[in-house]
Protein backbone atom coordinates (compact mmCIF):
# COMPACT_ATOMS: atom_id res chain seq x y z
CA MET A 1 91.45 89.86 103.50
CA GLN A 2 93.03 88.74 100.22
CA LEU A 3 96.05 90.71 98.99
CA ILE A 4 98.04 90.63 95.75
CA ASP A 5 101.63 91.94 95.63
CA ILE A 6 102.13 93.30 92.16
CA GLY A 7 105.87 93.86 92.47
CA ALA A 8 108.15 91.53 94.42
CA ASN A 9 111.78 90.93 93.44
CA LEU A 10 111.92 87.38 94.71
CA THR A 11 114.71 86.38 92.43
CA HIS A 12 116.99 88.67 94.46
CA ASP A 13 119.83 86.76 96.07
CA SER A 14 118.83 87.89 99.57
CA PHE A 15 115.96 85.38 99.29
CA ASP A 16 118.12 82.44 98.30
CA ARG A 17 118.47 81.21 101.85
CA ASP A 18 114.78 81.09 102.74
CA ARG A 19 112.61 81.66 99.67
CA ASP A 20 110.11 78.99 100.57
CA ALA A 21 109.68 80.40 104.06
CA VAL A 22 109.16 83.88 102.58
CA LEU A 23 106.37 82.53 100.42
CA ALA A 24 104.81 80.73 103.40
CA ARG A 25 104.92 83.84 105.54
CA ALA A 26 103.28 85.83 102.71
CA ARG A 27 100.44 83.31 102.50
CA ASP A 28 99.99 83.48 106.26
CA ALA A 29 99.70 87.28 106.00
CA GLY A 30 96.90 87.12 103.43
CA VAL A 31 98.93 87.44 100.21
CA VAL A 32 97.14 85.06 97.84
CA GLN A 33 99.06 85.85 94.70
CA MET A 34 102.20 87.73 93.61
CA VAL A 35 103.63 89.12 90.39
CA LEU A 36 107.40 88.71 90.45
CA THR A 37 109.33 91.51 88.74
CA GLY A 38 111.55 90.59 85.82
CA ALA A 39 113.96 93.49 85.32
CA SER A 40 116.95 92.19 83.44
CA ARG A 41 118.13 89.48 81.03
CA GLU A 42 119.23 87.43 84.07
CA HIS A 43 116.26 87.91 86.32
CA SER A 44 113.32 87.83 83.88
CA PRO A 45 113.72 84.09 83.09
CA MET A 46 114.37 83.46 86.83
CA ALA A 47 111.04 85.10 87.68
CA LEU A 48 109.28 82.88 85.08
CA ASP A 49 110.98 79.79 86.54
CA LEU A 50 109.70 80.63 89.98
CA ALA A 51 106.20 81.24 88.65
CA LEU A 52 106.20 77.83 86.96
CA GLN A 53 107.11 76.25 90.27
CA HIS A 54 104.07 77.82 91.98
CA PRO A 55 101.18 77.77 89.52
CA GLY A 56 98.25 79.93 90.41
CA PHE A 57 100.17 81.68 93.19
CA LEU A 58 103.14 83.30 91.42
CA TYR A 59 103.21 85.17 88.08
CA ALA A 60 105.97 87.11 86.43
CA THR A 61 106.80 90.12 84.29
CA ALA A 62 109.60 90.14 81.74
CA GLY A 63 111.59 93.17 80.77
CA VAL A 64 114.72 95.24 81.24
CA HIS A 65 114.86 98.03 83.83
CA PRO A 66 116.49 101.29 82.65
CA HIS A 67 119.44 100.57 84.91
CA HIS A 68 120.21 97.63 82.64
CA ALA A 69 119.35 99.38 79.34
CA LEU A 70 122.68 98.52 77.74
CA GLU A 71 121.62 94.87 77.86
CA TYR A 72 118.81 95.41 75.39
CA THR A 73 120.34 94.01 72.24
CA ASP A 74 118.62 92.18 69.37
CA GLU A 75 119.39 88.95 71.24
CA CYS A 76 117.82 90.33 74.36
CA ASP A 77 114.72 91.28 72.48
CA ALA A 78 114.41 87.73 71.15
CA GLU A 79 114.77 86.39 74.69
CA MET A 80 112.02 88.67 75.96
CA ARG A 81 109.69 87.61 73.15
CA ALA A 82 110.32 83.97 74.03
CA LEU A 83 109.48 84.63 77.68
CA HIS A 84 106.28 86.35 76.67
CA ALA A 85 105.12 83.19 74.93
CA HIS A 86 104.39 81.83 78.44
CA ALA A 87 100.99 82.57 79.96
CA GLU A 88 102.60 83.00 83.37
CA VAL A 89 104.37 86.13 82.12
CA VAL A 90 101.58 88.64 82.55
CA ALA A 91 103.20 92.04 81.74
CA VAL A 92 105.94 93.69 79.70
CA GLY A 93 108.58 95.31 81.88
CA GLU A 94 109.85 96.49 84.22
CA CYS A 95 110.80 99.16 81.71
CA GLY A 96 110.96 102.94 81.53
CA LEU A 97 113.37 105.78 82.34
CA ASP A 98 115.46 106.59 85.38
CA TYR A 99 117.37 109.88 85.49
CA PHE A 100 117.84 109.81 89.26
CA ARG A 101 120.58 107.22 89.14
CA ASP A 102 121.60 107.35 85.48
CA PHE A 103 123.18 103.90 85.81
CA ALA A 104 122.80 103.61 82.01
CA PRO A 105 123.32 106.41 79.49
CA ARG A 106 120.12 108.20 78.69
CA PRO A 107 120.20 107.45 74.96
CA ALA A 108 120.50 103.75 75.82
CA GLN A 109 117.57 104.08 78.22
CA HIS A 110 115.42 105.66 75.45
CA ARG A 111 116.35 102.89 73.02
CA ALA A 112 115.57 100.09 75.49
CA PHE A 113 112.28 101.72 76.49
CA GLU A 114 111.28 102.18 72.85
CA ARG A 115 111.95 98.58 72.01
CA GLN A 116 109.92 97.34 74.97
CA LEU A 117 107.03 99.62 74.07
CA GLN A 118 107.22 98.13 70.56
CA LEU A 119 107.19 94.68 72.15
CA ALA A 120 104.12 95.58 74.24
CA SER A 121 102.35 96.71 71.06
CA GLU A 122 102.96 93.30 69.46
CA VAL A 123 102.79 90.50 72.08
CA ARG A 124 99.45 89.05 72.95
CA ALA A 125 98.12 87.02 75.86
CA ALA A 126 96.25 83.75 75.21
CA ASP A 127 92.99 85.70 74.99
CA GLY A 128 94.32 87.79 72.17
CA GLN A 129 94.60 90.95 74.24
CA ARG A 130 97.77 92.96 74.51
CA LYS A 131 99.80 92.32 77.67
CA PRO A 132 99.94 95.30 80.02
CA LEU A 133 102.98 97.42 80.73
CA PHE A 134 104.84 97.46 84.07
CA LEU A 135 106.51 100.86 84.09
CA HIS A 136 109.31 102.62 85.96
CA GLN A 137 109.86 106.38 85.99
CA ARG A 138 112.10 108.44 88.21
CA ASP A 139 113.09 112.04 87.56
CA ALA A 140 112.34 111.61 83.89
CA HIS A 141 108.68 112.54 83.68
CA ALA A 142 108.61 114.73 80.55
CA ASP A 143 110.69 112.32 78.37
CA PHE A 144 108.76 109.30 79.82
CA MET A 145 105.41 110.89 78.84
CA ALA A 146 106.76 111.78 75.39
CA GLN A 147 107.84 108.25 74.65
CA MET A 148 104.55 106.83 75.87
CA LYS A 149 102.65 109.30 73.69
CA ASN A 150 104.40 107.88 70.67
CA PHE A 151 102.51 104.65 71.30
CA ASP A 152 99.05 106.11 71.87
CA GLY A 153 96.47 103.57 70.76
CA ARG A 154 99.09 100.88 70.18
CA ILE A 155 99.55 99.48 73.75
CA GLY A 156 97.30 97.99 76.33
CA ALA A 157 96.83 98.86 80.00
CA ALA A 158 99.80 100.35 81.94
CA VAL A 159 100.76 100.65 85.57
CA VAL A 160 103.34 103.13 86.90
CA HIS A 161 104.78 100.90 89.58
CA CYS A 162 106.23 102.15 92.83
CA PHE A 163 104.81 105.64 92.38
CA THR A 164 106.80 108.21 94.36
CA GLY A 165 106.21 111.37 92.31
CA GLU A 166 104.46 114.65 92.77
CA ARG A 167 100.85 115.73 92.18
CA GLN A 168 101.21 116.71 88.49
CA GLU A 169 102.84 113.38 87.65
CA LEU A 170 100.05 111.48 89.33
CA PHE A 171 97.33 113.37 87.47
CA ASP A 172 99.12 113.06 84.15
CA TYR A 173 99.07 109.29 84.67
CA LEU A 174 95.46 109.20 85.75
CA ASP A 175 94.49 111.32 82.78
CA GLN A 176 95.84 108.43 80.64
CA ASP A 177 93.75 105.92 82.60
CA TRP A 178 96.96 104.27 83.80
CA TYR A 179 97.12 102.32 87.05
CA ILE A 180 99.18 103.35 90.07
CA GLY A 181 101.29 101.00 92.23
CA ILE A 182 101.84 102.14 95.85
CA THR A 183 104.63 100.72 98.00
CA GLY A 184 106.06 101.18 101.50
CA TRP A 185 107.50 104.51 100.28
CA LEU A 186 104.20 105.79 101.63
CA CYS A 187 105.46 104.90 105.12
CA ASP A 188 108.69 106.93 104.85
CA GLU A 189 108.26 110.14 106.83
CA ARG A 190 111.38 111.57 105.19
CA ARG A 191 110.60 111.08 101.50
CA GLY A 192 107.03 109.79 101.25
CA ALA A 193 105.00 112.19 103.41
CA HIS A 194 103.49 113.90 100.28
CA LEU A 195 101.96 110.57 99.24
CA ARG A 196 99.69 110.54 102.28
CA GLU A 197 97.56 113.23 100.61
CA LEU A 198 98.03 112.19 97.01
CA VAL A 199 96.71 108.59 97.47
CA LYS A 200 93.27 110.01 98.25
CA HIS A 201 93.01 111.07 94.61
CA ILE A 202 93.65 107.65 93.04
CA PRO A 203 90.39 106.03 91.94
CA ALA A 204 89.87 102.65 93.58
CA GLU A 205 89.75 100.92 90.23
CA ARG A 206 93.22 102.25 89.34
CA LEU A 207 95.03 101.57 92.65
CA MET A 208 97.27 98.56 93.26
CA ILE A 209 99.69 97.72 96.04
CA GLU A 210 103.20 96.22 96.16
CA THR A 211 106.17 95.72 98.41
CA ASP A 212 109.05 95.96 95.85
CA ALA A 213 110.72 93.46 98.19
CA PRO A 214 113.50 93.21 99.20
CA TYR A 215 113.64 97.02 98.80
CA LEU A 216 111.58 99.79 100.45
CA LEU A 217 111.01 98.23 103.86
CA PRO A 218 108.19 100.32 105.42
CA ARG A 219 109.84 102.62 107.98
CA SER A 220 106.69 102.63 110.13
CA LEU A 221 106.89 98.87 110.64
CA LYS A 222 107.27 97.74 114.22
CA PRO A 223 109.24 95.78 115.08
CA MET A 224 111.71 96.12 112.24
CA PRO A 225 113.32 92.91 110.91
CA LYS A 226 116.93 92.70 112.00
CA ASP A 227 118.20 92.29 108.46
CA ARG A 228 116.12 95.26 107.18
CA ARG A 229 114.92 93.16 104.30
CA ASN A 230 111.45 93.83 102.99
CA GLU A 231 109.29 90.83 102.09
CA PRO A 232 105.74 90.29 100.77
CA MET A 233 104.22 89.55 104.16
CA PHE A 234 104.58 93.27 104.95
CA LEU A 235 102.05 94.09 102.23
CA ALA A 236 99.39 93.89 104.95
CA HIS A 237 101.14 96.75 106.81
CA ILE A 238 101.25 98.87 103.62
CA VAL A 239 97.57 98.41 102.94
CA GLU A 240 96.66 99.38 106.50
CA GLU A 241 98.61 102.66 106.14
CA LEU A 242 97.06 103.20 102.68
CA ALA A 243 93.52 102.68 103.96
CA ARG A 244 94.10 105.08 106.83
CA ASP A 245 95.32 107.82 104.47
CA ARG A 246 92.42 107.26 102.11
CA GLY A 247 89.91 107.34 104.97
CA GLU A 248 88.68 103.86 104.14
CA ASP A 249 88.16 100.61 105.98
CA VAL A 250 91.17 98.39 105.35
CA GLU A 251 89.02 95.56 104.11
CA LEU A 252 87.58 97.82 101.40
CA THR A 253 90.97 99.16 100.32
CA ALA A 254 92.32 95.63 100.10
CA ALA A 255 89.30 94.28 98.20
CA ASN A 256 89.40 97.12 95.66
CA ALA A 257 93.19 96.75 95.10
CA THR A 258 92.81 93.01 94.65
CA ALA A 259 89.96 93.50 92.16
CA ALA A 260 91.91 96.14 90.21
CA THR A 261 94.94 93.83 90.09
CA ARG A 262 92.93 90.89 88.77
CA THR A 263 91.50 93.10 86.05
CA PHE A 264 94.78 94.57 85.07
CA PHE A 265 96.84 91.38 84.90
CA ARG A 266 93.84 89.19 84.04
CA LEU A 267 94.62 86.89 86.93
CA PRO A 268 92.28 84.08 87.91
CA ASP A 269 90.91 83.78 91.42
CA ALA A 270 93.47 82.39 93.85
CA ARG A 271 93.44 78.67 94.35
């Protein structure tokens, strides 16, 4: 069973002490490739640096999360464009809107998102195709959809990563032919129970899987790690839960998610 983690925050300082061991454990658990999330001016180049150290295994995104929206200056935009000149950077983002935390003022979030949508409309991969978008949305659905609509026909593929929303949000995304990223939120009996039913409606060719490590440790994992840190090796647990909820064999769910991921990010076969 080959798995690809589409969202791992491996530049997080909680991995500084044992990052190589984390990567080895992921490989042993069937994770053959990972896309490292770049979500700020600091961490986007760090994600690329890690990807360059592990060619064919690690890839990166480059963008600015809405929490860091105030960072998105002209200088930041130039930095992001330079990062996207690298083939190892396979998507624009993490970008979007977050009204749940409101760590950045909403007008600043809108500006940063707009600039990254513009970036996604302009940057191209080596094959001449637009790079896909790696999107974040929490408690901002209407404004998020409105900003995305402004770029109809001007951007490539998009994934709403770490989907935790309700039925209408899911179907709005699927109506746009966007991809959906499912995390260990599915395994949270307090907040994620509604996802157990919703994941049945995601077409196999639009479904991808991720850990969002070190965040969102699956609550159904046994035994739990003592430090409560999530890591990519637990992707196998997430796909098992996902397959059960979809009424599928886990090998089929894994194979379909891996195929969808390779199509979306245009990844080569694992080495």
